Structure formats: structure tokens, C-alpha cells
Amino acid sequence: MDPITIAVIGLLGMFILIAAHAPVGAAMGIAGVITFSALAGTGPGFAALGVEAISAVSSLDFAIIPLFLLMGGFVVAGGLSADLYALANAFIGHRRGGLALATVGGSALFGAVCGSAIATVATMTRVALPEMLEKKYSPSFAAGSIVAGGTLGVIIPPSLILVLYAILTELDVLALFSAAIVPGIVATVFQLIAAATYARLYPDAAPRAQRAGWRRRGNALKQSWAIMALGAVVTLGIYGGVFTVTEAAAVGACGAFLICLARRRLKPGVFAEVAQETARNAGVIYVIVIGAFAMTYFLAVSGLSQSMVTGIQSLGLPPIAVILCFYVMYLLLGAVFESLAVLVVTLPFVLPVVIGLGYDPVWWGVMLVMISGVGMITPPIGINVFVLHGMMEEISLGEIFKGVTPFFIADIARVLVLTFFPALVTWLPMQLGFM
């Protein structure tokens, strides 16, 4: 049988397994081993899986993942996410739609530490939603601001998905982190504009809150200084050349642990819960990475990736049209799957096409993470929407999707801005010497 036909059958088998609710990493690993064995023999097929498993477990680059997960776990356990929301609320909560603005800002700050959209949504639902409902905010608008704000964590560095993209593509993590800074700011600003505009158009959905006095603001600053200092140490340490990214992750995890300990939040049961959650999530990511590498073997040997590049180029479509088609695909996939799964499943055959069209892989990494994040709030599925609905069933799915609509429009607008002005992504890493 033709190698490309075998590779296509392998991909179809992988998607069938995923549709049957098999874990994504397991589906990729099974498809990779069976298909590569069909192309190169059983011995090389299983040997490749063993090599990738050992490489993933022993690589220091992969240590970034559990360390950042551990940092996020201690931040949640220490109540630091609530401090970030209280800080944003104290300074802008009195404005029209101020609590929604504080939710977006708090989500951006917490997402930068946590790196997970789903975790950000779950945390902000507990922290911000009760207060917004108490202040007579529209349930639709309140829920929409939380669901949309949760997507900011996947793009603002240090982002776990960007780390994983760097590992899978062998790109410099610092180049990707620096490339994501301006897009992260742009994404946050666009969501703030969406919240402020909606609040002005529909004032009944977002009543004004009482202005916080300077004493309350000072208390909020005092309460949140620890998490801000930790973020500053990790960020400045990375870009100042004091730490490697792995060392910065270790410093962040250690710092979050000490803050949690100083606040007397680290009871034995809490520590065990954070450790178990970190191990569970890190294990899932490791399995996905091993499966992704196993899948790249048969894609490379079969020549399917190169055939896709050649086939798309032969269509004569402008490169920007191909990129926009990919965006639509990622919106649909992101609506169903977590952005991490979307990245690893599609990267082996999409990235060669993008590079073949002349686009920079660092730019594409940022855009890929961003558009898959937007997919997490895309109707009619939007995984972030279902996370919030599962925690607050009294707010219907229809209400949540209605509330997320202005943010979805803003997200599509900023993706298009960054697509047609790619220098917004590549300028900073070039200035810092990472590209």
C-alpha cells in the first residue's frame, strides 16, 4: 500500500479513537506506533515509542511543565487569585462595568501565573461571579466576562502551551515568551474595550459600584504584594538573563510554596491535593507529548506533510487565505477540545504548510495558541462555557453564549489585527535578540 495512504488511514484511526473518547495522548501514541510499524516494521515502531518516552521523562526542558503547574497550584491554594481580583476591583470596580473589567484584568494576571484557561475560568467563577451577581450585574454579562477572560491565560507568558509548542518545534522558549507579550497586552485591551462598550450600551447589565477609598486600595495592594513580587521576580529573571526558563519555573514554584506556607494555608491535606493535581496534569501532558512525537515518525516517513505542503501550494491560493482557513479550523476544534490537545494533534501537519507559505514559526506559534484559545468560547460548544455552566447551572448556556458574544467579536478583531500586522508579534523578540 502507498505510504501516504497508510499515513492517512493512521490519522483517521487517531481521530476515530479521539471521537470514541480515548485520551488524546493515547490515541496519538496508538496511531503512531501502528502506522509507523506498518511503514518501517514492528521493531522500529515500538522502539520509537520507547525512545520518545525515555526522552520526555529525562529531558530537563520538560521539567518546566510540572514546575509551572506546581506554581499555579500553590497560588490557588494560597488564595492569591482572590487577591489579584480584589486589587483590580479596588482600582476600577467603581466604573461602569468595573467588576467585569476587574474580572478580565484579574483573569489576565491569574492566567499568566496559572497558564490554563479552564483553571482560570473555574477560579474566577468562584472568586468573581458571586460578587458580580450580588451587585446586580446581568448573569449573562458576568458569566461572559469570566469565560472570555479565561482564554487570556493561554497566551500571556509564562504559558504552558507556548512551552509545549517550543518543545515540539525545538524553538527557543524565550523567543516565544517575548513574542507573546505584546499580543497578550493587545488581547487584554481588546477584551477590556469589549466589556466597557457593552456596559455603556446596556447600563442595566452593569450597574456602577461604590468607589473604593484609598485605604481600601492600599489594603488591596498590601494584600497582593506577594503575588506581584513573585511574578516580577520570575518575569524579570527570565528576560534579564538571571534564570533560564526552567530555573525561573523552579523559583516560581518555590516562591509560591513559601507564600502559601507563610499564610498558613498549606495544611497537609492541601499540600497533598496540590501535589496530586500537579502530578495528574503533568502526567497527562507527558502522555500527550510522547504520543505527538510518536505520530511525527509516520508523518515524516510517509511524506504526508510534504505532500500537504505541495498540494496546498498547487491550489494557487494567497498565503493569507490559507492562514484564514486554518483559523476557521482551529475555531471549530477549539470549541470541542482543550487548546493543548488541539495544538499537539494538528501541529505535525499544519506547521510544515505554514512554514512552506513563508511564515515565521514563532509568529505562528503565538497565533496558533491565540486562535485555539478563542475557539474555547466559540458557539455552540465552547469548552470554557461548559466549565462555568457546570459550576453554576442556574445560568443557562444560552445566557452565557449571549454574554460572551461581544468578547468573541473583540477576540476575532485582535486576531485579524495581529495577522495583518505580524510585526506586533515579532518585533520584541527581534529587539531582544531572541530571533
Protein backbone atom coordinates (compact mmCIF):
# COMPACT_ATOMS: atom_id res chain seq x y z
CA MET A 1 0.00 0.00 0.00
CA ASP A 2 1.16 3.53 -0.76
CA PRO A 3 2.90 5.19 2.29
CA ILE A 4 0.70 8.29 2.08
CA THR A 5 -2.44 6.13 2.06
CA ILE A 6 -1.18 4.30 5.15
CA ALA A 7 -0.50 7.65 6.86
CA VAL A 8 -3.99 8.93 6.03
CA ILE A 9 -5.52 5.75 7.46
CA GLY A 10 -3.40 6.27 10.59
CA LEU A 11 -4.71 9.83 11.00
CA LEU A 12 -8.30 8.69 10.51
CA GLY A 13 -7.76 5.99 13.11
CA MET A 14 -6.44 8.57 15.55
CA PHE A 15 -9.48 10.83 15.10
CA ILE A 16 -11.83 7.85 15.48
CA LEU A 17 -10.18 6.98 18.79
CA ILE A 18 -10.49 10.59 19.97
CA ALA A 19 -14.15 10.68 18.90
CA ALA A 20 -14.62 7.49 20.93
CA HIS A 21 -13.37 9.44 23.99
CA ALA A 22 -9.95 7.81 24.15
CA PRO A 23 -7.36 10.08 25.81
CA VAL A 24 -5.72 12.28 23.18
CA GLY A 25 -2.19 11.20 24.07
CA ALA A 26 -3.12 7.51 23.96
CA ALA A 27 -4.90 7.94 20.62
CA MET A 28 -1.86 9.61 19.06
CA GLY A 29 0.52 7.03 20.53
CA ILE A 30 -1.52 4.05 19.32
CA ALA A 31 -1.95 5.54 15.84
CA GLY A 32 1.72 6.49 15.71
CA VAL A 33 3.07 3.07 16.70
CA ILE A 34 0.72 1.05 14.48
CA THR A 35 1.17 3.28 11.43
CA PHE A 36 4.95 3.61 11.79
CA SER A 37 5.15 -0.17 12.27
CA ALA A 38 3.20 -0.64 9.04
CA LEU A 39 5.71 1.60 7.25
CA ALA A 40 9.01 0.59 8.86
CA GLY A 41 8.37 -2.65 10.72
CA THR A 42 7.18 -3.68 14.16
CA GLY A 43 10.61 -3.41 15.80
CA PRO A 44 11.30 0.21 14.79
CA GLY A 45 7.68 1.14 15.59
CA PHE A 46 7.82 0.10 19.23
CA ALA A 47 11.44 1.22 19.59
CA ALA A 48 10.44 4.75 18.54
CA LEU A 49 7.77 4.87 21.25
CA GLY A 50 10.29 3.75 23.86
CA VAL A 51 12.87 6.30 22.75
CA GLU A 52 10.36 9.16 22.93
CA ALA A 53 9.07 8.07 26.33
CA ILE A 54 12.58 8.00 27.81
CA SER A 55 13.48 11.28 26.11
CA ALA A 56 10.41 13.05 27.51
CA VAL A 57 10.87 11.82 31.06
CA SER A 58 14.61 12.54 31.21
CA SER A 59 14.66 15.92 29.43
CA LEU A 60 15.23 18.99 31.59
CA ASP A 61 13.19 21.03 29.12
CA PHE A 62 10.09 19.10 30.14
CA ALA A 63 10.68 19.95 33.81
CA ILE A 64 9.22 23.38 33.06
CA ILE A 65 5.76 21.86 32.75
CA PRO A 66 5.31 20.29 36.23
CA LEU A 67 7.10 23.23 37.87
CA PHE A 68 4.72 25.82 36.41
CA LEU A 69 1.78 23.56 37.25
CA LEU A 70 3.04 23.34 40.82
CA MET A 71 3.40 27.12 40.97
CA GLY A 72 -0.19 27.57 39.80
CA GLY A 73 -1.42 25.03 42.34
CA PHE A 74 0.22 26.84 45.26
CA VAL A 75 -1.08 30.20 44.00
CA VAL A 76 -4.65 28.88 44.09
CA ALA A 77 -4.15 27.19 47.46
CA GLY A 78 -2.74 30.39 48.94
CA GLY A 79 -5.74 32.46 47.89
CA LEU A 80 -3.55 34.68 45.70
CA SER A 81 -6.05 34.60 42.83
CA ALA A 82 -8.62 36.32 45.06
CA ASP A 83 -6.01 38.97 45.93
CA LEU A 84 -5.47 39.77 42.26
CA TYR A 85 -9.21 40.20 41.68
CA ALA A 86 -9.58 42.34 44.80
CA LEU A 87 -6.73 44.58 43.60
CA ALA A 88 -8.27 45.11 40.18
CA ASN A 89 -11.68 45.64 41.74
CA ALA A 90 -10.38 48.27 44.19
CA PHE A 91 -8.99 50.46 41.40
CA ILE A 92 -11.53 50.08 38.59
CA GLY A 93 -14.57 48.38 40.17
CA HIS A 94 -16.44 51.69 40.56
CA ARG A 95 -16.53 52.38 36.81
CA ARG A 96 -19.41 51.41 34.58
CA GLY A 97 -18.85 47.69 34.08
CA GLY A 98 -15.96 47.94 36.53
CA LEU A 99 -16.44 44.49 38.05
CA ALA A 100 -16.34 42.95 34.57
CA LEU A 101 -13.21 44.99 33.82
CA ALA A 102 -11.70 43.75 37.08
CA THR A 103 -12.63 40.19 36.12
CA VAL A 104 -10.85 40.47 32.78
CA GLY A 105 -7.83 42.08 34.41
CA GLY A 106 -7.77 39.55 37.24
CA SER A 107 -8.10 36.69 34.75
CA ALA A 108 -5.15 38.03 32.77
CA LEU A 109 -2.97 38.28 35.89
CA PHE A 110 -4.01 34.91 37.25
CA GLY A 111 -3.81 33.25 33.84
CA ALA A 112 -0.23 34.46 33.50
CA VAL A 113 0.62 32.51 36.65
CA CYS A 114 -1.63 29.52 36.06
CA GLY A 115 -1.32 29.11 32.26
CA SER A 116 -4.60 27.18 31.95
CA ALA A 117 -7.82 28.62 30.54
CA ILE A 118 -10.04 26.05 32.23
CA ALA A 119 -8.39 26.56 35.64
CA THR A 120 -8.73 30.33 35.25
CA VAL A 121 -12.43 30.06 34.45
CA ALA A 122 -13.03 27.72 37.39
CA THR A 123 -11.15 30.01 39.79
CA MET A 124 -12.75 33.26 38.65
CA THR A 125 -16.20 31.65 38.77
CA ARG A 126 -15.68 31.08 42.48
CA VAL A 127 -13.99 34.44 43.12
CA ALA A 128 -15.70 36.99 40.86
CA LEU A 129 -19.12 35.65 39.86
CA PRO A 130 -20.78 35.82 43.33
CA GLU A 131 -19.75 39.46 43.75
CA MET A 132 -20.97 40.49 40.31
CA LEU A 133 -24.33 38.82 40.88
CA GLU A 134 -24.57 40.46 44.31
CA LYS A 135 -24.00 43.87 42.67
CA LYS A 136 -26.95 43.17 40.30
CA TYR A 137 -24.86 42.50 37.22
CA SER A 138 -26.61 40.68 34.43
CA PRO A 139 -25.84 36.94 34.85
CA SER A 140 -25.19 36.78 31.11
CA PHE A 141 -22.64 39.62 31.11
CA ALA A 142 -20.98 38.42 34.33
CA ALA A 143 -20.57 34.89 33.01
CA GLY A 144 -19.38 36.12 29.61
CA SER A 145 -16.61 38.22 31.11
CA ILE A 146 -15.34 35.23 33.12
CA VAL A 147 -15.48 32.76 30.23
CA ALA A 148 -13.72 35.18 27.87
CA GLY A 149 -11.16 36.32 30.42
CA GLY A 150 -10.16 32.71 30.98
CA THR A 151 -8.69 32.49 27.49
CA LEU A 152 -6.08 35.15 28.27
CA GLY A 153 -4.05 32.73 30.36
CA VAL A 154 -3.10 30.58 27.39
CA ILE A 155 -1.29 33.43 25.61
CA ILE A 156 0.20 35.60 28.38
CA PRO A 157 3.65 34.23 29.32
CA PRO A 158 4.72 32.13 31.03
CA SER A 159 2.24 29.96 29.13
CA LEU A 160 2.35 26.18 29.35
CA ILE A 161 1.06 25.82 25.81
CA LEU A 162 3.82 28.06 24.46
CA VAL A 163 6.33 25.94 26.40
CA LEU A 164 4.92 22.82 24.81
CA TYR A 165 4.98 24.41 21.35
CA ALA A 166 8.64 25.32 21.88
CA ILE A 167 9.47 21.74 22.89
CA LEU A 168 7.63 20.17 19.97
CA THR A 169 9.15 22.55 17.41
CA GLU A 170 12.60 22.89 19.06
CA LEU A 171 12.24 26.69 19.13
CA ASP A 172 13.62 28.98 21.83
CA VAL A 173 11.14 29.31 24.68
CA LEU A 174 12.32 32.87 25.36
CA ALA A 175 11.63 33.83 21.74
CA LEU A 176 8.05 32.62 22.10
CA PHE A 177 7.54 34.22 25.51
CA SER A 178 8.82 37.58 24.31
CA ALA A 179 6.75 37.29 21.12
CA ALA A 180 3.61 36.73 23.21
CA ILE A 181 3.99 39.81 25.44
CA VAL A 182 2.56 42.40 23.02
CA PRO A 183 -0.21 40.06 21.76
CA GLY A 184 -1.11 39.30 25.39
CA ILE A 185 -1.44 43.02 26.11
CA VAL A 186 -3.44 43.54 22.91
CA ALA A 187 -5.76 40.65 23.80
CA THR A 188 -6.39 42.06 27.28
CA VAL A 189 -7.02 45.58 25.97
CA PHE A 190 -9.48 44.34 23.34
CA GLN A 191 -11.44 42.43 25.98
CA LEU A 192 -11.46 45.45 28.29
CA ILE A 193 -12.78 47.58 25.44
CA ALA A 194 -15.49 44.98 24.74
CA ALA A 195 -16.56 44.96 28.41
CA ALA A 196 -16.59 48.76 28.66
CA THR A 197 -18.52 49.15 25.39
CA TYR A 198 -21.14 46.59 26.37
CA ALA A 199 -21.58 48.24 29.78
CA ARG A 200 -22.20 51.63 28.13
CA LEU A 201 -24.65 50.21 25.60
CA TYR A 202 -26.54 48.22 28.24
CA PRO A 203 -26.10 50.09 31.54
CA ASP A 204 -28.68 47.97 33.36
CA ALA A 205 -26.45 44.92 32.82
CA ALA A 206 -23.55 46.52 34.72
CA PRO A 207 -24.52 48.96 37.49
CA ARG A 208 -21.89 51.23 38.94
CA ALA A 209 -20.33 50.11 42.20
CA GLN A 210 -19.19 52.34 45.02
CA ARG A 211 -15.77 53.91 44.54
CA ALA A 212 -13.13 52.32 46.76
CA GLY A 213 -11.30 54.70 49.08
CA TRP A 214 -7.53 54.94 49.12
CA ARG A 215 -7.42 53.00 52.34
CA ARG A 216 -9.13 50.04 50.69
CA ARG A 217 -6.85 50.37 47.69
CA GLY A 218 -3.82 50.43 49.97
CA ASN A 219 -5.04 47.30 51.73
CA ALA A 220 -5.56 45.58 48.37
CA LEU A 221 -2.02 46.49 47.33
CA LYS A 222 -0.66 45.29 50.65
CA GLN A 223 -2.56 42.03 50.39
CA SER A 224 -1.41 41.31 46.82
CA TRP A 225 2.23 42.41 47.06
CA ALA A 226 3.42 38.82 47.44
CA ILE A 227 1.96 37.53 44.18
CA MET A 228 3.07 40.68 42.31
CA ALA A 229 6.59 40.34 43.69
CA LEU A 230 6.68 36.68 42.72
CA GLY A 231 5.52 37.48 39.20
CA ALA A 232 8.09 40.27 38.89
CA VAL A 233 10.94 38.02 40.08
CA VAL A 234 10.05 35.25 37.64
CA THR A 235 9.46 37.58 34.68
CA LEU A 236 12.43 39.88 35.20
CA GLY A 237 14.63 36.90 36.00
CA ILE A 238 13.78 35.28 32.68
CA TYR A 239 14.18 38.31 30.45
CA GLY A 240 17.10 39.72 32.44
CA GLY A 241 19.11 36.56 31.91
CA VAL A 242 19.29 35.77 35.63
CA PHE A 243 17.42 32.46 35.26
CA THR A 244 16.82 30.01 32.49
CA VAL A 245 13.12 29.35 31.94
CA THR A 246 13.40 26.07 33.84
CA GLU A 247 15.14 27.78 36.76
CA ALA A 248 12.51 30.53 36.73
CA ALA A 249 9.78 27.89 36.95
CA ALA A 250 11.55 26.34 39.94
CA VAL A 251 11.91 29.75 41.61
CA GLY A 252 8.23 30.47 40.98
CA ALA A 253 7.10 27.14 42.43
CA CYS A 254 9.34 27.60 45.48
CA GLY A 255 8.17 31.19 45.99
CA ALA A 256 4.50 30.26 45.72
CA PHE A 257 5.10 27.44 48.22
CA LEU A 258 6.72 29.83 50.71
CA ILE A 259 3.92 32.39 50.34
CA CYS A 260 1.33 29.68 50.87
CA LEU A 261 3.26 28.46 53.93
CA ALA A 262 3.60 31.98 55.37
CA ARG A 263 -0.16 32.47 55.05
CA ARG A 264 -0.76 29.23 56.93
CA ARG A 265 -2.77 27.86 54.02
CA LEU A 266 -0.54 24.83 53.47
CA LYS A 267 -2.16 22.20 55.62
CA PRO A 268 -1.13 18.57 54.95
CA GLY A 269 -4.33 17.85 53.04
CA VAL A 270 -3.87 20.95 50.87
CA PHE A 271 -0.26 20.09 50.08
CA ALA A 272 -1.25 16.55 49.11
CA GLU A 273 -4.05 17.88 46.90
CA VAL A 274 -1.73 20.31 45.08
CA ALA A 275 0.90 17.60 44.60
CA GLN A 276 -1.63 15.09 43.29
CA GLU A 277 -3.21 17.62 40.92
CA THR A 278 0.21 18.62 39.60
CA ALA A 279 1.26 15.00 39.08
CA ARG A 280 -2.05 14.18 37.39
CA ASN A 281 -1.93 17.11 34.97
CA ALA A 282 1.80 16.71 34.26
CA GLY A 283 1.25 13.01 33.54
CA VAL A 284 -1.50 13.83 31.06
CA ILE A 285 0.75 16.36 29.28
CA TYR A 286 3.68 13.91 29.18
CA VAL A 287 1.49 11.24 27.60
CA ILE A 288 0.27 13.76 25.02
CA VAL A 289 3.82 14.81 24.17
CA ILE A 290 5.01 11.20 23.83
CA GLY A 291 2.04 10.43 21.61
CA ALA A 292 2.67 13.52 19.50
CA PHE A 293 6.29 12.57 18.90
CA ALA A 294 5.26 9.02 18.02
CA MET A 295 2.86 10.42 15.45
CA THR A 296 5.55 12.59 13.82
CA TYR A 297 7.54 9.46 12.93
CA PHE A 298 4.99 8.12 10.47
CA LEU A 299 4.20 11.59 9.13
CA ALA A 300 7.89 12.11 8.33
CA VAL A 301 8.49 8.64 6.86
CA SER A 302 5.32 8.63 4.75
CA GLY A 303 5.95 12.08 3.27
CA LEU A 304 2.37 13.13 4.06
CA SER A 305 3.38 16.52 5.48
CA GLN A 306 5.39 17.44 2.40
CA SER A 307 2.58 16.24 0.15
CA MET A 308 0.17 18.53 2.00
CA VAL A 309 2.54 21.48 1.53
CA THR A 310 2.87 20.75 -2.17
CA GLY A 311 -0.86 20.20 -2.60
CA ILE A 312 -1.86 23.44 -0.88
CA GLN A 313 0.75 25.43 -2.81
CA SER A 314 -0.55 23.97 -6.08
CA LEU A 315 -4.01 25.41 -5.37
CA GLY A 316 -2.65 28.87 -6.05
CA LEU A 317 -4.39 30.41 -3.05
CA PRO A 318 -2.83 33.50 -1.47
CA PRO A 319 -0.95 32.52 1.71
CA ILE A 320 -3.23 34.72 3.84
CA ALA A 321 -6.28 32.79 2.55
CA VAL A 322 -4.73 29.51 3.72
CA ILE A 323 -3.98 31.03 7.14
CA LEU A 324 -7.58 32.24 7.46
CA CYS A 325 -8.83 28.75 6.57
CA PHE A 326 -6.63 27.35 9.32
CA TYR A 327 -8.16 29.87 11.72
CA VAL A 328 -11.64 28.55 10.94
CA MET A 329 -10.42 25.01 11.52
CA TYR A 330 -8.90 25.93 14.88
CA LEU A 331 -12.04 27.76 15.98
CA LEU A 332 -14.05 24.61 15.32
CA LEU A 333 -11.51 22.32 17.00
CA GLY A 334 -11.04 24.68 19.93
CA ALA A 335 -14.77 24.65 20.54
CA VAL A 336 -14.58 20.91 21.25
CA PHE A 337 -11.09 20.26 22.64
CA GLU A 338 -8.81 21.93 25.17
CA SER A 339 -6.26 24.14 23.37
CA LEU A 340 -3.37 21.87 24.43
CA ALA A 341 -4.92 18.89 22.66
CA VAL A 342 -5.68 20.98 19.56
CA LEU A 343 -2.06 22.10 19.32
CA VAL A 344 -0.42 18.69 19.55
CA VAL A 345 -2.89 16.93 17.26
CA THR A 346 -2.62 19.42 14.39
CA LEU A 347 0.94 20.72 14.69
CA PRO A 348 2.77 17.92 12.80
CA PHE A 349 0.94 18.54 9.53
CA VAL A 350 -0.07 22.21 9.83
CA LEU A 351 3.32 23.71 10.76
CA PRO A 352 5.12 22.49 7.60
CA VAL A 353 2.38 24.08 5.50
CA VAL A 354 2.68 27.40 7.34
CA ILE A 355 6.47 27.44 7.02
CA GLY A 356 6.17 26.45 3.35
CA LEU A 357 3.98 29.53 2.82
CA GLY A 358 6.80 31.71 4.16
CA TYR A 359 5.51 32.48 7.65
CA ASP A 360 7.73 32.59 10.72
CA PRO A 361 7.22 29.63 13.11
CA VAL A 362 7.49 31.91 16.17
CA TRP A 363 4.71 34.14 14.81
CA TRP A 364 2.61 31.09 14.00
CA GLY A 365 3.11 29.66 17.48
CA VAL A 366 1.64 32.78 19.07
CA MET A 367 -1.23 32.93 16.58
CA LEU A 368 -1.95 29.22 16.93
CA VAL A 369 -2.21 29.47 20.71
CA MET A 370 -4.33 32.60 20.43
CA ILE A 371 -6.84 31.29 17.89
CA SER A 372 -7.23 27.93 19.67
CA GLY A 373 -7.95 29.90 22.84
CA VAL A 374 -10.67 31.85 21.04
CA GLY A 375 -12.09 28.50 19.98
CA MET A 376 -12.73 27.72 23.65
CA ILE A 377 -15.51 30.34 23.70
CA THR A 378 -16.83 29.62 20.20
CA PRO A 379 -20.52 28.67 19.96
CA PRO A 380 -22.18 26.21 20.01
CA ILE A 381 -19.82 24.13 22.18
CA GLY A 382 -17.08 26.35 23.66
CA ILE A 383 -15.45 24.24 26.38
CA ASN A 384 -14.96 27.24 28.70
CA VAL A 385 -18.69 27.89 28.59
CA PHE A 386 -19.44 24.36 29.76
CA VAL A 387 -16.91 24.67 32.60
CA LEU A 388 -18.75 27.69 34.01
CA HIS A 389 -22.18 26.18 33.36
CA GLY A 390 -21.13 23.04 35.20
CA MET A 391 -20.23 25.13 38.25
CA MET A 392 -23.24 27.47 38.03
CA GLU A 393 -26.08 25.55 36.39
CA GLU A 394 -28.67 28.26 37.15
CA ILE A 395 -27.08 30.36 34.39
CA SER A 396 -28.21 28.76 31.15
CA LEU A 397 -25.90 28.02 28.25
CA GLY A 398 -27.87 30.47 26.12
CA GLU A 399 -27.27 33.28 28.61
CA ILE A 400 -23.54 32.54 28.77
CA PHE A 401 -23.17 32.49 24.99
CA LYS A 402 -25.10 35.77 24.78
CA GLY A 403 -22.75 37.35 27.29
CA VAL A 404 -19.63 36.06 25.58
CA THR A 405 -20.62 37.41 22.14
CA PRO A 406 -19.04 40.90 22.48
CA PHE A 407 -15.82 39.32 23.74
CA PHE A 408 -15.82 36.82 20.88
CA ILE A 409 -16.13 39.68 18.38
CA ALA A 410 -13.27 41.52 20.11
CA ASP A 411 -11.12 38.37 20.04
CA ILE A 412 -11.66 37.84 16.33
CA ALA A 413 -10.78 41.50 15.72
CA ARG A 414 -7.47 41.31 17.59
CA VAL A 415 -6.54 38.04 15.84
CA LEU A 416 -7.04 39.77 12.50
CA VAL A 417 -5.01 42.78 13.65
CA LEU A 418 -2.09 40.55 14.65
CA THR A 419 -2.43 38.60 11.40
CA PHE A 420 -2.21 41.61 9.12
CA PHE A 421 0.40 43.31 11.31
CA PRO A 422 2.75 40.42 12.22
CA ALA A 423 5.44 42.84 13.41
CA LEU A 424 3.39 43.25 16.59
CA VAL A 425 4.40 39.67 17.36
CA THR A 426 7.96 39.51 16.03
CA TRP A 427 9.26 43.00 16.88
CA LEU A 428 10.01 42.47 20.57
CA PRO A 429 11.88 39.13 20.29
CA MET A 430 13.93 40.63 17.45
CA GLN A 431 14.80 43.65 19.60
CA LEU A 432 15.79 41.37 22.50
CA GLY A 433 17.94 39.23 20.22
CA PHE A 434 15.90 36.04 20.52
CA MET A 435 15.16 35.86 16.77
